[in-house]
């Protein structure tokens, strides 16, 4: 009887270890895919943005990461659609940031 309980415990432990290993492998794969996607995104940004614009976008990413991500995705979509024919300067990026920010910003009103 004690041997049966011990055998059940061993099997359960092996199952849990196997599940844990599978989860870890899945997480590592997801991290690898995210890193690969980020590298591709940065390569495209390097092609379509001037160095000043890339610096500005990096600074925006520090303060408003969601805004920077939206702008990056918009720029990638435009690039892939062939709508970006020349490099985007800092001034153009400022305008794009302002437009995206205006569309996504929520206004809060406090009434007294």
N, C-alpha and C. Protein backbone atom coordinates (compact mmCIF):
# COMPACT_ATOMS: atom_id res chain seq x y z
N UNK A 1 0.81 -1.19 0.00
CA UNK A 1 0.00 0.00 0.00
C UNK A 1 0.87 1.27 0.00
N UNK A 2 1.85 1.31 0.86
CA UNK A 2 2.76 2.46 0.91
C UNK A 2 3.54 2.58 -0.39
N UNK A 3 3.83 1.42 -0.99
CA UNK A 3 4.56 1.43 -2.27
C UNK A 3 3.70 2.02 -3.37
N UNK A 4 2.39 1.73 -3.35
CA UNK A 4 1.47 2.27 -4.35
C UNK A 4 1.38 3.80 -4.23
N UNK A 5 1.28 4.28 -3.01
CA UNK A 5 1.21 5.72 -2.77
C UNK A 5 2.49 6.39 -3.26
N UNK A 6 3.61 5.77 -2.97
CA UNK A 6 4.90 6.32 -3.40
C UNK A 6 4.99 6.35 -4.93
N UNK A 7 4.49 5.31 -5.58
CA UNK A 7 4.50 5.24 -7.05
C UNK A 7 3.60 6.32 -7.64
N UNK A 8 2.45 6.55 -7.03
CA UNK A 8 1.53 7.60 -7.49
C UNK A 8 2.20 8.96 -7.34
N UNK A 9 2.87 9.19 -6.23
CA UNK A 9 3.58 10.45 -6.01
C UNK A 9 4.65 10.67 -7.06
N UNK A 10 5.40 9.63 -7.37
CA UNK A 10 6.46 9.74 -8.38
C UNK A 10 5.87 10.10 -9.75
N UNK A 11 4.78 9.41 -10.10
CA UNK A 11 4.14 9.69 -11.40
C UNK A 11 3.62 11.13 -11.46
N UNK A 12 3.01 11.56 -10.38
CA UNK A 12 2.48 12.93 -10.32
C UNK A 12 3.62 13.94 -10.42
N UNK A 13 4.71 13.68 -9.73
CA UNK A 13 5.87 14.55 -9.77
C UNK A 13 6.45 14.62 -11.19
N UNK A 14 6.53 13.50 -11.85
CA UNK A 14 7.02 13.47 -13.23
C UNK A 14 6.10 14.25 -14.17
N UNK A 15 4.80 14.11 -13.96
CA UNK A 15 3.83 14.86 -14.77
C UNK A 15 4.02 16.36 -14.57
N UNK A 16 4.13 16.78 -13.32
CA UNK A 16 4.31 18.20 -13.02
C UNK A 16 5.61 18.74 -13.60
N UNK A 17 6.69 17.95 -13.50
CA UNK A 17 7.96 18.38 -14.07
C UNK A 17 7.87 18.51 -15.58
N UNK A 18 7.15 17.58 -16.22
CA UNK A 18 6.98 17.62 -17.67
C UNK A 18 6.19 18.86 -18.08
N UNK A 19 5.09 19.14 -17.34
CA UNK A 19 4.29 20.33 -17.63
C UNK A 19 5.11 21.60 -17.46
N UNK A 20 5.89 21.65 -16.40
CA UNK A 20 6.72 22.82 -16.14
C UNK A 20 7.74 23.02 -17.25
N UNK A 21 8.34 21.94 -17.71
CA UNK A 21 9.32 22.02 -18.79
C UNK A 21 8.66 22.50 -20.07
N UNK A 22 7.45 22.04 -20.36
CA UNK A 22 6.73 22.47 -21.55
C UNK A 22 6.37 23.95 -21.47
N UNK A 23 5.93 24.40 -20.30
CA UNK A 23 5.59 25.81 -20.11
C UNK A 23 6.83 26.68 -20.29
N UNK A 24 7.93 26.25 -19.73
CA UNK A 24 9.16 27.02 -19.84
C UNK A 24 9.60 27.11 -21.30
N UNK A 25 9.49 26.00 -22.01
CA UNK A 25 9.86 25.98 -23.43
C UNK A 25 8.96 26.91 -24.23
N UNK A 26 7.66 26.91 -23.95
CA UNK A 26 6.71 27.78 -24.64
C UNK A 26 7.02 29.25 -24.35
N UNK A 27 7.34 29.57 -23.10
CA UNK A 27 7.68 30.94 -22.73
C UNK A 27 8.96 31.39 -23.44
N UNK A 28 9.95 30.53 -23.49
CA UNK A 28 11.20 30.86 -24.16
C UNK A 28 10.97 31.10 -25.65
N UNK A 29 10.11 30.29 -26.26
CA UNK A 29 9.78 30.46 -27.68
C UNK A 29 9.07 31.78 -27.91
N UNK A 30 8.15 32.13 -27.02
CA UNK A 30 7.44 33.39 -27.14
C UNK A 30 8.40 34.57 -27.00
N UNK A 31 9.30 34.50 -26.05
CA UNK A 31 10.28 35.57 -25.86
C UNK A 31 11.17 35.69 -27.08
N UNK A 32 11.58 34.55 -27.64
CA UNK A 32 12.43 34.57 -28.84
C UNK A 32 11.69 35.22 -30.01
N UNK A 33 10.40 34.89 -30.17
CA UNK A 33 9.61 35.47 -31.26
C UNK A 33 9.44 36.97 -31.06
N UNK A 34 9.21 37.40 -29.82
CA UNK A 34 9.06 38.82 -29.54
C UNK A 34 10.35 39.57 -29.83
N UNK A 35 11.48 38.98 -29.47
CA UNK A 35 12.77 39.62 -29.73
C UNK A 35 13.03 39.71 -31.23
N UNK A 36 12.67 38.66 -31.96
CA UNK A 36 12.84 38.65 -33.40
C UNK A 36 11.97 39.72 -34.06
N UNK A 37 10.73 39.83 -33.60
CA UNK A 37 9.82 40.84 -34.11
C UNK A 37 10.34 42.25 -33.82
N UNK A 38 10.84 42.44 -32.61
CA UNK A 38 11.39 43.75 -32.22
C UNK A 38 12.61 44.10 -33.08
N UNK A 39 13.45 43.11 -33.38
CA UNK A 39 14.62 43.34 -34.23
C UNK A 39 14.19 43.74 -35.64
N UNK A 40 13.16 43.09 -36.17
CA UNK A 40 12.65 43.44 -37.49
C UNK A 40 12.07 44.84 -37.49
N UNK A 41 11.35 45.16 -36.43
CA UNK A 41 10.76 46.49 -36.31
C UNK A 41 11.84 47.56 -36.27
N UNK A 42 12.89 47.32 -35.49
CA UNK A 42 13.98 48.30 -35.41
C UNK A 42 14.70 48.44 -36.75
N UNK A 43 14.83 47.35 -37.49
CA UNK A 43 15.47 47.41 -38.80
C UNK A 43 14.65 48.28 -39.75
N UNK A 44 13.35 48.12 -39.70
CA UNK A 44 12.49 48.95 -40.57
C UNK A 44 12.56 50.40 -40.13
N UNK A 45 12.54 50.64 -38.82
CA UNK A 45 12.63 52.03 -38.33
C UNK A 45 13.94 52.67 -38.78
N UNK A 46 15.00 51.89 -38.79
CA UNK A 46 16.30 52.40 -39.21
C UNK A 46 16.28 52.80 -40.69
N UNK A 47 15.50 52.08 -41.49
CA UNK A 47 15.41 52.38 -42.91
C UNK A 47 14.58 53.61 -43.20
N UNK A 48 13.49 53.80 -42.44
CA UNK A 48 12.54 54.85 -42.81
C UNK A 48 12.66 56.14 -41.99
N UNK A 49 13.38 56.09 -40.87
CA UNK A 49 13.53 57.29 -40.03
C UNK A 49 14.97 57.81 -40.09
N UNK A 50 15.08 59.13 -40.03
CA UNK A 50 16.42 59.71 -39.89
C UNK A 50 16.91 59.44 -38.48
N UNK A 51 18.18 59.66 -38.23
CA UNK A 51 18.72 59.38 -36.89
C UNK A 51 18.06 60.27 -35.83
N UNK A 52 17.78 61.54 -36.18
CA UNK A 52 17.12 62.43 -35.23
C UNK A 52 15.71 61.93 -34.89
N UNK A 53 15.01 61.45 -35.91
CA UNK A 53 13.65 60.95 -35.69
C UNK A 53 13.68 59.68 -34.83
N UNK A 54 14.67 58.82 -35.07
CA UNK A 54 14.79 57.60 -34.25
C UNK A 54 15.07 57.97 -32.79
N UNK A 55 15.92 58.98 -32.59
CA UNK A 55 16.21 59.42 -31.22
C UNK A 55 14.96 59.95 -30.54
N UNK A 56 14.18 60.73 -31.27
CA UNK A 56 12.95 61.28 -30.71
C UNK A 56 11.98 60.14 -30.35
N UNK A 57 11.84 59.20 -31.24
CA UNK A 57 10.94 58.08 -30.99
C UNK A 57 11.40 57.27 -29.77
N UNK A 58 12.70 57.14 -29.61
CA UNK A 58 13.23 56.43 -28.45
C UNK A 58 12.91 57.18 -27.16
N UNK A 59 13.00 58.51 -27.21
CA UNK A 59 12.66 59.31 -26.02
C UNK A 59 11.17 59.23 -25.72
N UNK A 60 10.35 59.26 -26.76
CA UNK A 60 8.91 59.14 -26.57
C UNK A 60 8.58 57.77 -25.96
N UNK A 61 9.31 56.76 -26.40
CA UNK A 61 9.07 55.40 -25.91
C UNK A 61 9.34 55.31 -24.40
N UNK A 62 10.27 56.09 -23.90
CA UNK A 62 10.55 56.10 -22.47
C UNK A 62 9.39 56.68 -21.66
N UNK A 63 8.76 57.71 -22.22
CA UNK A 63 7.71 58.42 -21.50
C UNK A 63 6.32 57.85 -21.79
N UNK A 64 6.06 57.58 -23.07
CA UNK A 64 4.75 57.08 -23.49
C UNK A 64 4.92 55.88 -24.40
N UNK A 65 5.24 54.72 -23.84
CA UNK A 65 5.52 53.54 -24.67
C UNK A 65 4.36 53.13 -25.57
N UNK A 66 3.13 53.33 -25.10
CA UNK A 66 1.98 52.94 -25.92
C UNK A 66 1.85 53.83 -27.15
N UNK A 67 2.13 55.11 -27.01
CA UNK A 67 2.09 56.03 -28.15
C UNK A 67 3.20 55.68 -29.15
N UNK A 68 4.39 55.43 -28.64
CA UNK A 68 5.51 55.09 -29.51
C UNK A 68 5.22 53.80 -30.27
N UNK A 69 4.64 52.81 -29.61
CA UNK A 69 4.33 51.54 -30.26
C UNK A 69 3.29 51.74 -31.36
N UNK A 70 2.28 52.56 -31.09
CA UNK A 70 1.26 52.84 -32.11
C UNK A 70 1.89 53.49 -33.34
N UNK A 71 2.74 54.46 -33.11
CA UNK A 71 3.38 55.16 -34.22
C UNK A 71 4.26 54.19 -35.00
N UNK A 72 5.02 53.36 -34.30
CA UNK A 72 5.86 52.37 -34.98
C UNK A 72 5.02 51.45 -35.86
N UNK A 73 3.91 50.98 -35.32
CA UNK A 73 3.05 50.07 -36.09
C UNK A 73 2.44 50.77 -37.31
N UNK A 74 2.05 52.01 -37.14
CA UNK A 74 1.50 52.78 -38.26
C UNK A 74 2.57 52.96 -39.33
N UNK A 75 3.77 53.32 -38.91
CA UNK A 75 4.86 53.53 -39.88
C UNK A 75 5.20 52.24 -40.62
N UNK A 76 5.22 51.12 -39.91
CA UNK A 76 5.51 49.83 -40.55
C UNK A 76 4.43 49.49 -41.57
N UNK A 77 3.16 49.73 -41.21
CA UNK A 77 2.07 49.45 -42.14
C UNK A 77 2.20 50.32 -43.39
N UNK A 78 2.49 51.60 -43.20
CA UNK A 78 2.66 52.49 -44.34
C UNK A 78 3.85 52.06 -45.20
N UNK A 79 4.93 51.66 -44.55
CA UNK A 79 6.13 51.21 -45.27
C UNK A 79 5.83 49.96 -46.08
N UNK A 80 5.15 49.01 -45.46
CA UNK A 80 4.83 47.76 -46.15
C UNK A 80 3.83 47.97 -47.28
N UNK A 81 3.00 48.99 -47.17
CA UNK A 81 2.03 49.30 -48.22
C UNK A 81 2.68 50.12 -49.34
N UNK A 82 3.95 50.51 -49.13
CA UNK A 82 4.66 51.29 -50.15
C UNK A 82 4.31 52.77 -50.15
N UNK A 83 3.72 53.25 -49.07
CA UNK A 83 3.31 54.64 -49.01
C UNK A 83 4.40 55.56 -48.48
N UNK A 84 5.46 54.99 -47.94
CA UNK A 84 6.60 55.80 -47.49
C UNK A 84 7.68 55.69 -48.56
N UNK A 85 7.92 56.82 -49.21
CA UNK A 85 8.90 56.80 -50.30
C UNK A 85 10.20 57.47 -49.93
N UNK A 86 10.18 58.30 -48.89
CA UNK A 86 11.41 58.96 -48.44
C UNK A 86 11.50 58.84 -46.93
N UNK A 87 12.71 59.08 -46.42
CA UNK A 87 12.92 58.95 -44.98
C UNK A 87 12.14 60.02 -44.23
N UNK A 88 11.64 59.63 -43.08
CA UNK A 88 10.84 60.54 -42.26
C UNK A 88 11.79 61.33 -41.35
N UNK A 89 11.68 62.62 -41.44
CA UNK A 89 12.53 63.50 -40.65
C UNK A 89 11.92 63.70 -39.26
N UNK A 90 12.67 64.38 -38.42
CA UNK A 90 12.22 64.67 -37.07
C UNK A 90 10.95 65.50 -37.10
N UNK A 91 10.88 66.49 -37.99
CA UNK A 91 9.71 67.36 -38.09
C UNK A 91 8.47 66.56 -38.50
N UNK A 92 8.62 65.68 -39.47
CA UNK A 92 7.49 64.86 -39.89
C UNK A 92 7.05 63.93 -38.77
N UNK A 93 8.02 63.38 -38.05
CA UNK A 93 7.69 62.49 -36.94
C UNK A 93 6.94 63.25 -35.84
N UNK A 94 7.32 64.50 -35.58
CA UNK A 94 6.60 65.31 -34.59
C UNK A 94 5.13 65.45 -34.98
N UNK A 95 4.89 65.69 -36.27
CA UNK A 95 3.51 65.84 -36.75
C UNK A 95 2.74 64.52 -36.60
N UNK A 96 3.38 63.43 -36.95
CA UNK A 96 2.74 62.11 -36.83
C UNK A 96 2.41 61.82 -35.37
N UNK A 97 3.37 62.09 -34.49
CA UNK A 97 3.15 61.87 -33.05
C UNK A 97 1.98 62.71 -32.55
N UNK A 98 1.92 63.96 -32.98
CA UNK A 98 0.84 64.85 -32.55
C UNK A 98 -0.51 64.34 -33.04
N UNK A 99 -0.56 63.87 -34.29
CA UNK A 99 -1.83 63.36 -34.85
C UNK A 99 -2.29 62.12 -34.11
N UNK A 100 -1.39 61.19 -33.89
CA UNK A 100 -1.75 59.95 -33.20
C UNK A 100 -2.14 60.25 -31.76
N UNK A 101 -1.40 61.16 -31.13
CA UNK A 101 -1.71 61.52 -29.75
C UNK A 101 -3.09 62.17 -29.66
N UNK A 102 -3.42 63.04 -30.61
CA UNK A 102 -4.72 63.71 -30.60
C UNK A 102 -5.86 62.70 -30.76
N UNK A 103 -5.64 61.67 -31.56
CA UNK A 103 -6.68 60.65 -31.77
C UNK A 103 -6.87 59.75 -30.56
N UNK A 104 -5.80 59.52 -29.82
CA UNK A 104 -5.87 58.54 -28.74
C UNK A 104 -5.99 59.16 -27.35
N UNK A 105 -5.72 60.42 -27.22
CA UNK A 105 -5.75 61.06 -25.90
C UNK A 105 -7.18 61.19 -25.40
N UNK A 106 -7.37 60.86 -24.15
CA UNK A 106 -8.67 61.02 -23.51
C UNK A 106 -8.63 62.29 -22.70
N UNK A 107 -9.72 63.01 -22.77
CA UNK A 107 -9.79 64.26 -22.04
C UNK A 107 -10.57 64.04 -20.75
N UNK A 108 -10.03 64.54 -19.68
CA UNK A 108 -10.67 64.41 -18.38
C UNK A 108 -11.16 65.77 -17.93
N UNK A 109 -12.38 65.78 -17.44
CA UNK A 109 -12.95 67.03 -16.93
C UNK A 109 -13.34 66.81 -15.48
N UNK A 110 -12.94 67.75 -14.67
CA UNK A 110 -13.30 67.70 -13.25
C UNK A 110 -14.31 68.80 -12.99
N UNK A 111 -15.47 68.40 -12.50
CA UNK A 111 -16.52 69.37 -12.21
C UNK A 111 -16.57 69.61 -10.72
N UNK A 112 -16.74 70.88 -10.36
CA UNK A 112 -16.81 71.25 -8.95
C UNK A 112 -18.24 71.42 -8.54
